[in-house]
Amino acid sequence: MRKTERYPVKTANSLWHVYKTVPFLKVVKNFVVIQLARYTPFLGMKSWLYRTFLGMDVGKETSVALMVMMDVMFPEKIRIGRNSVIGYNTTILAHEYLIKEYRLGEVNIGSEVLIGANTTILPGVTIGDGAVVGAATLVHKDVPPGAFVGGNPMQIIKTKAEMEASVLPEKENRES
């Protein structure tokens, strides 16, 4: 189960109440900053924009590709470790508005993580250090450190131990 906080609503669907949950001007500012970051090819500038204007924790040497869509309402709930790669057109959500409730959850992406293109990461998920997420994956639960995951629904393709075992023979072949 994802780690999210649940907030029930009693009248219309939760999205109808969006500006009771997050200030309108915050959303406007976040939208402008995120759109600028989505299109800039300068990786250092993207990280600076995320840290300075969105309150995100982005590690050194992390690369966020073009068109990545950070959560426009709660980007400060997203943390990305050092030396990670977030692939093209990935969406990272820290909120979800449903009919009878809305949910908020932190997204923690570890260090040296590779996220493939067109991936969607849902709120309340932790992706462990050294994990690899295949392209077009829906990350709906935690990813163990060092694991290779993919698909919809997301499944573990290889564990950390299996990943290390598959890399070791390749390394030995190159050395001989």
N, C-alpha and C. Protein backbone atom coordinates (compact mmCIF):
# COMPACT_ATOMS: atom_id res chain seq x y z
N MET A 1 0.84 -1.19 0.00
CA MET A 1 0.00 0.00 0.00
C MET A 1 0.88 1.25 0.00
N ARG A 2 0.51 2.22 -0.81
CA ARG A 2 1.24 3.49 -0.86
C ARG A 2 1.01 4.27 0.42
N LYS A 3 2.00 5.10 0.77
CA LYS A 3 1.92 5.91 1.99
C LYS A 3 1.32 7.28 1.65
N THR A 4 0.00 7.38 1.75
CA THR A 4 -0.68 8.65 1.47
C THR A 4 -1.57 9.01 2.65
N GLU A 5 -1.79 10.32 2.79
CA GLU A 5 -2.77 10.80 3.76
C GLU A 5 -4.07 11.02 3.01
N ARG A 6 -5.18 10.57 3.62
CA ARG A 6 -6.48 10.65 2.98
C ARG A 6 -7.32 11.77 3.61
N TYR A 7 -7.98 12.54 2.74
CA TYR A 7 -8.80 13.66 3.18
C TYR A 7 -10.19 13.52 2.54
N PRO A 8 -11.17 13.08 3.30
CA PRO A 8 -12.51 12.90 2.74
C PRO A 8 -13.19 14.24 2.45
N VAL A 9 -14.07 14.23 1.45
CA VAL A 9 -14.91 15.39 1.16
C VAL A 9 -16.37 14.94 1.24
N LYS A 10 -17.24 15.85 1.63
CA LYS A 10 -18.63 15.47 1.86
C LYS A 10 -19.58 15.87 0.73
N THR A 11 -19.21 16.91 -0.04
CA THR A 11 -20.12 17.36 -1.08
C THR A 11 -19.62 16.91 -2.45
N ALA A 12 -19.41 17.84 -3.36
CA ALA A 12 -18.98 17.50 -4.72
C ALA A 12 -17.62 16.80 -4.69
N ASN A 13 -17.22 16.22 -5.83
CA ASN A 13 -15.95 15.50 -5.90
C ASN A 13 -14.80 16.37 -5.41
N SER A 14 -13.73 15.73 -5.00
CA SER A 14 -12.62 16.44 -4.34
C SER A 14 -11.94 17.46 -5.25
N LEU A 15 -11.88 17.22 -6.54
CA LEU A 15 -11.24 18.19 -7.42
C LEU A 15 -12.05 19.48 -7.50
N TRP A 16 -13.34 19.38 -7.30
CA TRP A 16 -14.20 20.56 -7.28
C TRP A 16 -13.76 21.52 -6.17
N HIS A 17 -13.13 21.00 -5.12
CA HIS A 17 -12.67 21.78 -3.97
C HIS A 17 -11.17 22.08 -4.03
N VAL A 18 -10.57 21.99 -5.19
CA VAL A 18 -9.11 22.06 -5.31
C VAL A 18 -8.51 23.30 -4.66
N TYR A 19 -9.11 24.47 -4.84
CA TYR A 19 -8.49 25.67 -4.30
C TYR A 19 -8.78 25.88 -2.82
N LYS A 20 -9.48 24.95 -2.20
CA LYS A 20 -9.57 24.92 -0.74
C LYS A 20 -8.40 24.10 -0.18
N THR A 21 -7.80 23.27 -1.04
CA THR A 21 -6.70 22.41 -0.60
C THR A 21 -5.33 22.97 -0.96
N VAL A 22 -5.26 23.80 -1.98
CA VAL A 22 -3.99 24.41 -2.40
C VAL A 22 -4.31 25.80 -2.98
N PRO A 23 -3.55 26.82 -2.57
CA PRO A 23 -3.84 28.18 -3.04
C PRO A 23 -3.68 28.32 -4.56
N PHE A 24 -4.59 29.03 -5.17
CA PHE A 24 -4.60 29.26 -6.61
C PHE A 24 -3.28 29.85 -7.10
N LEU A 25 -2.78 30.88 -6.43
CA LEU A 25 -1.54 31.53 -6.87
C LEU A 25 -0.33 30.59 -6.77
N LYS A 26 -0.34 29.68 -5.82
CA LYS A 26 0.73 28.68 -5.73
C LYS A 26 0.70 27.79 -6.96
N VAL A 27 -0.49 27.37 -7.37
CA VAL A 27 -0.62 26.52 -8.55
C VAL A 27 -0.15 27.27 -9.80
N VAL A 28 -0.52 28.53 -9.93
CA VAL A 28 -0.10 29.32 -11.09
C VAL A 28 1.42 29.43 -11.13
N LYS A 29 2.04 29.78 -10.00
CA LYS A 29 3.51 29.90 -9.94
C LYS A 29 4.16 28.56 -10.28
N ASN A 30 3.68 27.49 -9.66
CA ASN A 30 4.25 26.16 -9.92
C ASN A 30 4.11 25.78 -11.39
N PHE A 31 2.96 26.08 -11.98
CA PHE A 31 2.72 25.74 -13.38
C PHE A 31 3.73 26.45 -14.28
N VAL A 32 3.94 27.73 -14.05
CA VAL A 32 4.88 28.50 -14.87
C VAL A 32 6.30 27.94 -14.73
N VAL A 33 6.73 27.68 -13.50
CA VAL A 33 8.08 27.16 -13.26
C VAL A 33 8.24 25.77 -13.89
N ILE A 34 7.25 24.90 -13.71
CA ILE A 34 7.33 23.54 -14.25
C ILE A 34 7.36 23.57 -15.78
N GLN A 35 6.55 24.42 -16.39
CA GLN A 35 6.55 24.50 -17.86
C GLN A 35 7.90 25.00 -18.37
N LEU A 36 8.48 25.98 -17.70
CA LEU A 36 9.80 26.47 -18.08
C LEU A 36 10.83 25.35 -17.96
N ALA A 37 10.79 24.62 -16.87
CA ALA A 37 11.73 23.52 -16.65
C ALA A 37 11.52 22.38 -17.66
N ARG A 38 10.29 22.11 -18.03
CA ARG A 38 10.01 21.03 -18.98
C ARG A 38 10.70 21.24 -20.32
N TYR A 39 10.82 22.50 -20.74
CA TYR A 39 11.34 22.81 -22.07
C TYR A 39 12.80 23.22 -22.09
N THR A 40 13.39 23.54 -20.93
CA THR A 40 14.78 23.97 -20.96
C THR A 40 15.71 22.77 -21.11
N PRO A 41 16.71 22.90 -21.98
CA PRO A 41 17.66 21.79 -22.15
C PRO A 41 18.81 21.84 -21.14
N PHE A 42 18.82 22.84 -20.27
CA PHE A 42 19.93 23.02 -19.32
C PHE A 42 19.63 22.30 -18.01
N LEU A 43 20.31 21.18 -17.79
CA LEU A 43 20.01 20.33 -16.63
C LEU A 43 20.24 21.05 -15.31
N GLY A 44 21.32 21.80 -15.20
CA GLY A 44 21.59 22.54 -13.97
C GLY A 44 20.52 23.57 -13.68
N MET A 45 20.02 24.20 -14.73
CA MET A 45 18.98 25.21 -14.57
C MET A 45 17.68 24.56 -14.08
N LYS A 46 17.35 23.38 -14.62
CA LYS A 46 16.14 22.67 -14.17
C LYS A 46 16.21 22.41 -12.67
N SER A 47 17.33 21.84 -12.22
CA SER A 47 17.47 21.53 -10.80
C SER A 47 17.38 22.79 -9.96
N TRP A 48 17.98 23.87 -10.43
CA TRP A 48 17.92 25.14 -9.71
C TRP A 48 16.48 25.64 -9.62
N LEU A 49 15.74 25.57 -10.72
CA LEU A 49 14.34 25.98 -10.71
C LEU A 49 13.53 25.15 -9.71
N TYR A 50 13.73 23.85 -9.74
CA TYR A 50 12.99 22.95 -8.84
C TYR A 50 13.30 23.27 -7.38
N ARG A 51 14.59 23.44 -7.07
CA ARG A 51 14.99 23.72 -5.68
C ARG A 51 14.52 25.10 -5.23
N THR A 52 14.77 26.11 -6.06
CA THR A 52 14.56 27.50 -5.67
C THR A 52 13.09 27.88 -5.61
N PHE A 53 12.32 27.50 -6.61
CA PHE A 53 10.95 27.98 -6.71
C PHE A 53 9.88 26.97 -6.30
N LEU A 54 10.23 25.68 -6.29
CA LEU A 54 9.24 24.65 -5.97
C LEU A 54 9.50 23.97 -4.63
N GLY A 55 10.66 24.23 -4.02
CA GLY A 55 10.96 23.61 -2.73
C GLY A 55 11.27 22.13 -2.80
N MET A 56 11.63 21.66 -4.00
CA MET A 56 11.96 20.24 -4.15
C MET A 56 13.39 19.98 -3.68
N ASP A 57 13.63 18.76 -3.24
CA ASP A 57 14.96 18.31 -2.85
C ASP A 57 15.50 17.48 -4.02
N VAL A 58 16.41 18.06 -4.79
CA VAL A 58 16.97 17.39 -5.97
C VAL A 58 18.47 17.25 -5.75
N GLY A 59 18.97 16.02 -5.80
CA GLY A 59 20.38 15.76 -5.55
C GLY A 59 21.30 16.25 -6.65
N LYS A 60 22.58 16.38 -6.30
CA LYS A 60 23.59 16.81 -7.26
C LYS A 60 23.68 15.81 -8.40
N GLU A 61 23.97 16.33 -9.58
CA GLU A 61 24.20 15.54 -10.79
C GLU A 61 22.97 14.75 -11.24
N THR A 62 21.81 15.06 -10.71
CA THR A 62 20.58 14.42 -11.17
C THR A 62 20.16 15.07 -12.47
N SER A 63 19.74 14.26 -13.43
CA SER A 63 19.33 14.74 -14.74
C SER A 63 17.84 14.49 -14.94
N VAL A 64 17.11 15.56 -15.20
CA VAL A 64 15.67 15.48 -15.47
C VAL A 64 15.50 15.82 -16.95
N ALA A 65 15.01 14.86 -17.72
CA ALA A 65 14.90 15.02 -19.18
C ALA A 65 13.82 16.03 -19.56
N LEU A 66 13.77 16.32 -20.85
CA LEU A 66 12.73 17.19 -21.39
C LEU A 66 11.35 16.62 -21.12
N MET A 67 10.39 17.51 -20.93
CA MET A 67 8.97 17.21 -20.82
C MET A 67 8.56 16.47 -19.55
N VAL A 68 9.45 16.33 -18.58
CA VAL A 68 9.07 15.70 -17.31
C VAL A 68 8.07 16.62 -16.61
N MET A 69 6.96 16.04 -16.14
CA MET A 69 5.89 16.81 -15.49
C MET A 69 5.90 16.50 -14.00
N MET A 70 6.39 17.46 -13.22
CA MET A 70 6.34 17.36 -11.76
C MET A 70 4.93 17.72 -11.29
N ASP A 71 4.58 17.28 -10.11
CA ASP A 71 3.27 17.59 -9.54
C ASP A 71 3.11 19.10 -9.43
N VAL A 72 2.07 19.64 -10.04
CA VAL A 72 1.89 21.09 -10.10
C VAL A 72 1.33 21.65 -8.78
N MET A 73 0.71 20.82 -7.98
CA MET A 73 0.10 21.31 -6.75
C MET A 73 0.98 21.14 -5.52
N PHE A 74 1.72 20.05 -5.45
CA PHE A 74 2.55 19.76 -4.27
C PHE A 74 3.95 19.28 -4.67
N PRO A 75 4.69 20.05 -5.47
CA PRO A 75 6.02 19.59 -5.88
C PRO A 75 7.00 19.47 -4.72
N GLU A 76 6.75 20.19 -3.64
CA GLU A 76 7.64 20.14 -2.48
C GLU A 76 7.62 18.76 -1.81
N LYS A 77 6.70 17.90 -2.18
CA LYS A 77 6.63 16.55 -1.63
C LYS A 77 7.45 15.55 -2.45
N ILE A 78 8.20 16.04 -3.45
CA ILE A 78 9.01 15.18 -4.31
C ILE A 78 10.48 15.35 -3.93
N ARG A 79 11.16 14.21 -3.71
CA ARG A 79 12.60 14.21 -3.42
C ARG A 79 13.29 13.25 -4.38
N ILE A 80 14.39 13.72 -4.97
CA ILE A 80 15.15 12.90 -5.91
C ILE A 80 16.60 12.92 -5.44
N GLY A 81 17.19 11.75 -5.31
CA GLY A 81 18.57 11.63 -4.82
C GLY A 81 19.61 12.06 -5.83
N ARG A 82 20.84 11.80 -5.49
CA ARG A 82 22.01 12.19 -6.27
C ARG A 82 22.20 11.28 -7.49
N ASN A 83 22.63 11.88 -8.60
CA ASN A 83 23.05 11.15 -9.80
C ASN A 83 21.97 10.23 -10.36
N SER A 84 20.73 10.67 -10.32
CA SER A 84 19.62 9.89 -10.89
C SER A 84 19.24 10.47 -12.24
N VAL A 85 18.54 9.67 -13.04
CA VAL A 85 18.05 10.09 -14.35
C VAL A 85 16.54 9.88 -14.38
N ILE A 86 15.82 10.95 -14.70
CA ILE A 86 14.37 10.88 -14.86
C ILE A 86 14.10 11.03 -16.35
N GLY A 87 13.54 9.99 -16.98
CA GLY A 87 13.39 9.95 -18.43
C GLY A 87 12.31 10.84 -18.99
N TYR A 88 12.41 11.06 -20.28
CA TYR A 88 11.54 11.92 -21.07
C TYR A 88 10.05 11.66 -20.78
N ASN A 89 9.32 12.74 -20.59
CA ASN A 89 7.86 12.71 -20.47
C ASN A 89 7.34 11.93 -19.26
N THR A 90 8.17 11.76 -18.26
CA THR A 90 7.73 11.11 -17.03
C THR A 90 6.84 12.06 -16.24
N THR A 91 5.85 11.51 -15.54
CA THR A 91 4.98 12.29 -14.67
C THR A 91 5.17 11.81 -13.24
N ILE A 92 5.42 12.76 -12.32
CA ILE A 92 5.59 12.43 -10.91
C ILE A 92 4.50 13.15 -10.13
N LEU A 93 3.60 12.38 -9.51
CA LEU A 93 2.45 12.93 -8.80
C LEU A 93 2.62 12.77 -7.29
N ALA A 94 2.26 13.81 -6.55
CA ALA A 94 2.24 13.75 -5.09
C ALA A 94 0.81 13.90 -4.57
N HIS A 95 -0.14 13.96 -5.48
CA HIS A 95 -1.56 14.08 -5.09
C HIS A 95 -2.42 13.25 -6.03
N GLU A 96 -3.61 12.92 -5.55
CA GLU A 96 -4.63 12.34 -6.42
C GLU A 96 -6.00 12.76 -5.88
N TYR A 97 -6.78 13.34 -6.77
CA TYR A 97 -8.13 13.78 -6.42
C TYR A 97 -9.11 12.74 -6.92
N LEU A 98 -9.91 12.21 -5.99
CA LEU A 98 -10.89 11.17 -6.30
C LEU A 98 -12.29 11.72 -6.06
N ILE A 99 -13.30 10.91 -6.19
CA ILE A 99 -14.67 11.37 -6.02
C ILE A 99 -14.95 11.77 -4.57
N LYS A 100 -14.68 10.89 -3.62
CA LYS A 100 -15.06 11.14 -2.23
C LYS A 100 -13.90 11.54 -1.32
N GLU A 101 -12.69 11.63 -1.88
CA GLU A 101 -11.54 12.03 -1.08
C GLU A 101 -10.41 12.47 -2.00
N TYR A 102 -9.43 13.15 -1.39
CA TYR A 102 -8.18 13.38 -2.09
C TYR A 102 -7.08 12.83 -1.21
N ARG A 103 -5.95 12.48 -1.84
CA ARG A 103 -4.82 11.88 -1.13
C ARG A 103 -3.55 12.63 -1.48
N LEU A 104 -2.70 12.78 -0.47
CA LEU A 104 -1.38 13.38 -0.65
C LEU A 104 -0.33 12.41 -0.14
N GLY A 105 0.79 12.33 -0.84
CA GLY A 105 1.87 11.45 -0.39
C GLY A 105 3.21 11.89 -0.96
N GLU A 106 4.24 11.75 -0.15
CA GLU A 106 5.58 12.08 -0.61
C GLU A 106 6.07 11.04 -1.61
N VAL A 107 6.86 11.51 -2.57
CA VAL A 107 7.52 10.63 -3.52
C VAL A 107 9.01 10.75 -3.26
N ASN A 108 9.63 9.63 -2.93
CA ASN A 108 11.07 9.61 -2.64
C ASN A 108 11.76 8.72 -3.66
N ILE A 109 12.59 9.35 -4.48
CA ILE A 109 13.36 8.64 -5.49
C ILE A 109 14.80 8.66 -5.01
N GLY A 110 15.41 7.50 -4.89
CA GLY A 110 16.76 7.38 -4.33
C GLY A 110 17.86 7.90 -5.23
N SER A 111 19.08 7.64 -4.85
CA SER A 111 20.26 8.01 -5.62
C SER A 111 20.57 6.94 -6.65
N GLU A 112 21.14 7.39 -7.77
CA GLU A 112 21.54 6.50 -8.86
C GLU A 112 20.39 5.64 -9.36
N VAL A 113 19.23 6.26 -9.46
CA VAL A 113 18.02 5.61 -9.97
C VAL A 113 17.85 6.00 -11.43
N LEU A 114 17.43 5.05 -12.25
CA LEU A 114 17.11 5.32 -13.65
C LEU A 114 15.62 5.11 -13.85
N ILE A 115 14.93 6.17 -14.28
CA ILE A 115 13.50 6.09 -14.57
C ILE A 115 13.36 6.20 -16.09
N GLY A 116 12.78 5.19 -16.73
CA GLY A 116 12.61 5.20 -18.18
C GLY A 116 11.55 6.20 -18.63
N ALA A 117 11.57 6.52 -19.90
CA ALA A 117 10.65 7.50 -20.49
C ALA A 117 9.20 7.08 -20.32
N ASN A 118 8.33 8.09 -20.25
CA ASN A 118 6.87 7.89 -20.21
C ASN A 118 6.39 7.10 -19.00
N THR A 119 7.11 7.20 -17.91
CA THR A 119 6.72 6.53 -16.67
C THR A 119 5.81 7.46 -15.88
N THR A 120 4.88 6.87 -15.13
CA THR A 120 4.04 7.63 -14.21
C THR A 120 4.31 7.11 -12.81
N ILE A 121 4.63 8.02 -11.89
CA ILE A 121 4.91 7.68 -10.50
C ILE A 121 3.79 8.26 -9.65
N LEU A 122 3.09 7.41 -8.91
CA LEU A 122 1.96 7.82 -8.10
C LEU A 122 2.42 8.30 -6.72
N PRO A 123 1.56 9.04 -6.02
CA PRO A 123 1.93 9.56 -4.70
C PRO A 123 2.16 8.47 -3.67
N GLY A 124 3.05 8.75 -2.71
CA GLY A 124 3.29 7.84 -1.60
C GLY A 124 4.24 6.71 -1.91
N VAL A 125 5.02 6.84 -2.99
CA VAL A 125 5.91 5.77 -3.44
C VAL A 125 7.35 6.12 -3.11
N THR A 126 8.13 5.10 -2.74
CA THR A 126 9.57 5.22 -2.57
C THR A 126 10.25 4.31 -3.58
N ILE A 127 11.21 4.87 -4.31
CA ILE A 127 12.01 4.09 -5.25
C ILE A 127 13.41 4.04 -4.67
N GLY A 128 13.88 2.85 -4.35
CA GLY A 128 15.15 2.68 -3.64
C GLY A 128 16.37 3.01 -4.48
N ASP A 129 17.48 3.27 -3.78
CA ASP A 129 18.76 3.58 -4.43
C ASP A 129 19.11 2.51 -5.45
N GLY A 130 19.61 2.95 -6.61
CA GLY A 130 20.11 2.03 -7.62
C GLY A 130 19.04 1.28 -8.40
N ALA A 131 17.78 1.60 -8.21
CA ALA A 131 16.71 0.90 -8.93
C ALA A 131 16.65 1.37 -10.38
N VAL A 132 16.09 0.52 -11.23
CA VAL A 132 15.86 0.83 -12.64
C VAL A 132 14.38 0.61 -12.90
N VAL A 133 13.71 1.63 -13.44
CA VAL A 133 12.29 1.55 -13.77
C VAL A 133 12.18 1.60 -15.28
N GLY A 134 11.65 0.53 -15.88
CA GLY A 134 11.52 0.47 -17.33
C GLY A 134 10.57 1.52 -17.87
N ALA A 135 10.74 1.85 -19.14
CA ALA A 135 9.91 2.85 -19.80
C ALA A 135 8.43 2.46 -19.73
N ALA A 136 7.59 3.48 -19.63
CA ALA A 136 6.12 3.34 -19.64
C ALA A 136 5.57 2.53 -18.46
N THR A 137 6.27 2.55 -17.36
CA THR A 137 5.83 1.84 -16.17
C THR A 137 4.92 2.72 -15.32
N LEU A 138 3.89 2.12 -14.73
CA LEU A 138 3.06 2.79 -13.74
C LEU A 138 3.58 2.36 -12.38
N VAL A 139 4.28 3.25 -11.68
CA VAL A 139 4.86 2.93 -10.38
C VAL A 139 3.79 3.19 -9.32
N HIS A 140 3.14 2.13 -8.88
CA HIS A 140 2.02 2.23 -7.95
C HIS A 140 2.34 1.67 -6.57
N LYS A 141 3.58 1.22 -6.38
CA LYS A 141 4.02 0.72 -5.08
C LYS A 141 5.52 0.92 -4.99
N ASP A 142 6.07 0.72 -3.80
CA ASP A 142 7.50 0.93 -3.57
C ASP A 142 8.34 0.01 -4.44
N VAL A 143 9.51 0.51 -4.81
CA VAL A 143 10.47 -0.25 -5.60
C VAL A 143 11.68 -0.51 -4.71
N PRO A 144 12.06 -1.78 -4.51
CA PRO A 144 13.21 -2.08 -3.65
C PRO A 144 14.52 -1.54 -4.23
N PRO A 145 15.48 -1.20 -3.37
CA PRO A 145 16.79 -0.75 -3.86
C PRO A 145 17.40 -1.76 -4.82
N GLY A 146 17.97 -1.27 -5.92
CA GLY A 146 18.69 -2.12 -6.86
C GLY A 146 17.83 -2.97 -7.77
N ALA A 147 16.52 -2.94 -7.62
CA ALA A 147 15.64 -3.79 -8.42
C ALA A 147 15.43 -3.19 -9.81
N PHE A 148 15.07 -4.05 -10.75
CA PHE A 148 14.65 -3.64 -12.09
C PHE A 148 13.17 -3.96 -12.18
N VAL A 149 12.35 -2.93 -12.40
CA VAL A 149 10.89 -3.11 -12.46
C VAL A 149 10.36 -2.56 -13.77
N GLY A 150 9.15 -3.03 -14.13
CA GLY A 150 8.54 -2.51 -15.34
C GLY A 150 7.12 -3.00 -15.48
N GLY A 151 6.41 -2.40 -16.42
CA GLY A 151 5.08 -2.85 -16.79
C GLY A 151 3.95 -2.08 -16.14
N ASN A 152 2.75 -2.49 -16.53
CA ASN A 152 1.52 -1.94 -15.97
C ASN A 152 0.52 -3.10 -15.86
N PRO A 153 0.33 -3.63 -14.68
CA PRO A 153 0.85 -3.14 -13.40
C PRO A 153 2.35 -3.44 -13.25
N MET A 154 3.01 -2.58 -12.49
CA MET A 154 4.45 -2.73 -12.27
C MET A 154 4.75 -4.06 -11.59
N GLN A 155 5.78 -4.71 -12.10
CA GLN A 155 6.24 -5.96 -11.51
C GLN A 155 7.77 -5.93 -11.39
N ILE A 156 8.28 -6.68 -10.43
CA ILE A 156 9.74 -6.80 -10.31
C ILE A 156 10.20 -7.77 -11.38
N ILE A 157 11.09 -7.30 -12.24
CA ILE A 157 11.65 -8.13 -13.30
C ILE A 157 12.89 -8.84 -12.80
N LYS A 158 13.75 -8.09 -12.07
CA LYS A 158 14.94 -8.66 -11.45
C LYS A 158 15.15 -7.99 -10.10
N THR A 159 15.53 -8.79 -9.13
CA THR A 159 15.88 -8.25 -7.81
C THR A 159 17.30 -7.68 -7.88
N LYS A 160 17.72 -7.02 -6.81
CA LYS A 160 19.08 -6.49 -6.74
C LYS A 160 20.10 -7.60 -6.92
N ALA A 161 19.89 -8.73 -6.26
CA ALA A 161 20.82 -9.86 -6.35
C ALA A 161 20.90 -10.38 -7.79
N GLU A 162 19.76 -10.50 -8.44
CA GLU A 162 19.74 -10.97 -9.83
C GLU A 162 20.40 -9.97 -10.77
N MET A 163 20.19 -8.66 -10.50
CA MET A 163 20.83 -7.62 -11.31
C MET A 163 22.35 -7.70 -11.16
N GLU A 164 22.82 -7.84 -9.93
CA GLU A 164 24.27 -7.93 -9.69
C GLU A 164 24.86 -9.18 -10.33
N ALA A 165 24.13 -10.28 -10.27
CA ALA A 165 24.61 -11.53 -10.87
C ALA A 165 24.68 -11.43 -12.39
N SER A 166 23.74 -10.71 -12.99
CA SER A 166 23.74 -10.60 -14.46
C SER A 166 24.81 -9.63 -14.95
N VAL A 167 25.23 -8.67 -14.14
CA VAL A 167 26.27 -7.72 -14.51
C VAL A 167 27.65 -8.33 -14.33
N LEU A 168 27.83 -9.17 -13.33
CA LEU A 168 29.13 -9.76 -13.01
C LEU A 168 29.70 -10.57 -14.18
N PRO A 169 28.95 -11.49 -14.81
CA PRO A 169 29.53 -12.24 -15.94
C PRO A 169 29.93 -11.34 -17.10
N GLU A 170 29.17 -10.29 -17.38
CA GLU A 170 29.52 -9.36 -18.45
C GLU A 170 30.85 -8.69 -18.15
N LYS A 171 31.04 -8.28 -16.90
CA LYS A 171 32.27 -7.60 -16.50
C LYS A 171 33.45 -8.55 -16.62
N GLU A 172 33.28 -9.83 -16.24
CA GLU A 172 34.36 -10.81 -16.32
C GLU A 172 34.72 -11.07 -17.78
N ASN A 173 33.72 -11.11 -18.69
CA ASN A 173 33.99 -11.35 -20.10
C ASN A 173 34.80 -10.21 -20.72
N ARG A 174 34.54 -8.97 -20.31
CA ARG A 174 35.26 -7.82 -20.84
C ARG A 174 36.71 -7.82 -20.38
N GLU A 175 36.95 -8.32 -19.17
CA GLU A 175 38.31 -8.33 -18.62
C GLU A 175 39.17 -9.42 -19.22
N SER A 176 38.56 -10.50 -19.77
CA SER A 176 39.37 -11.59 -20.32
C SER A 176 39.82 -11.36 -21.73
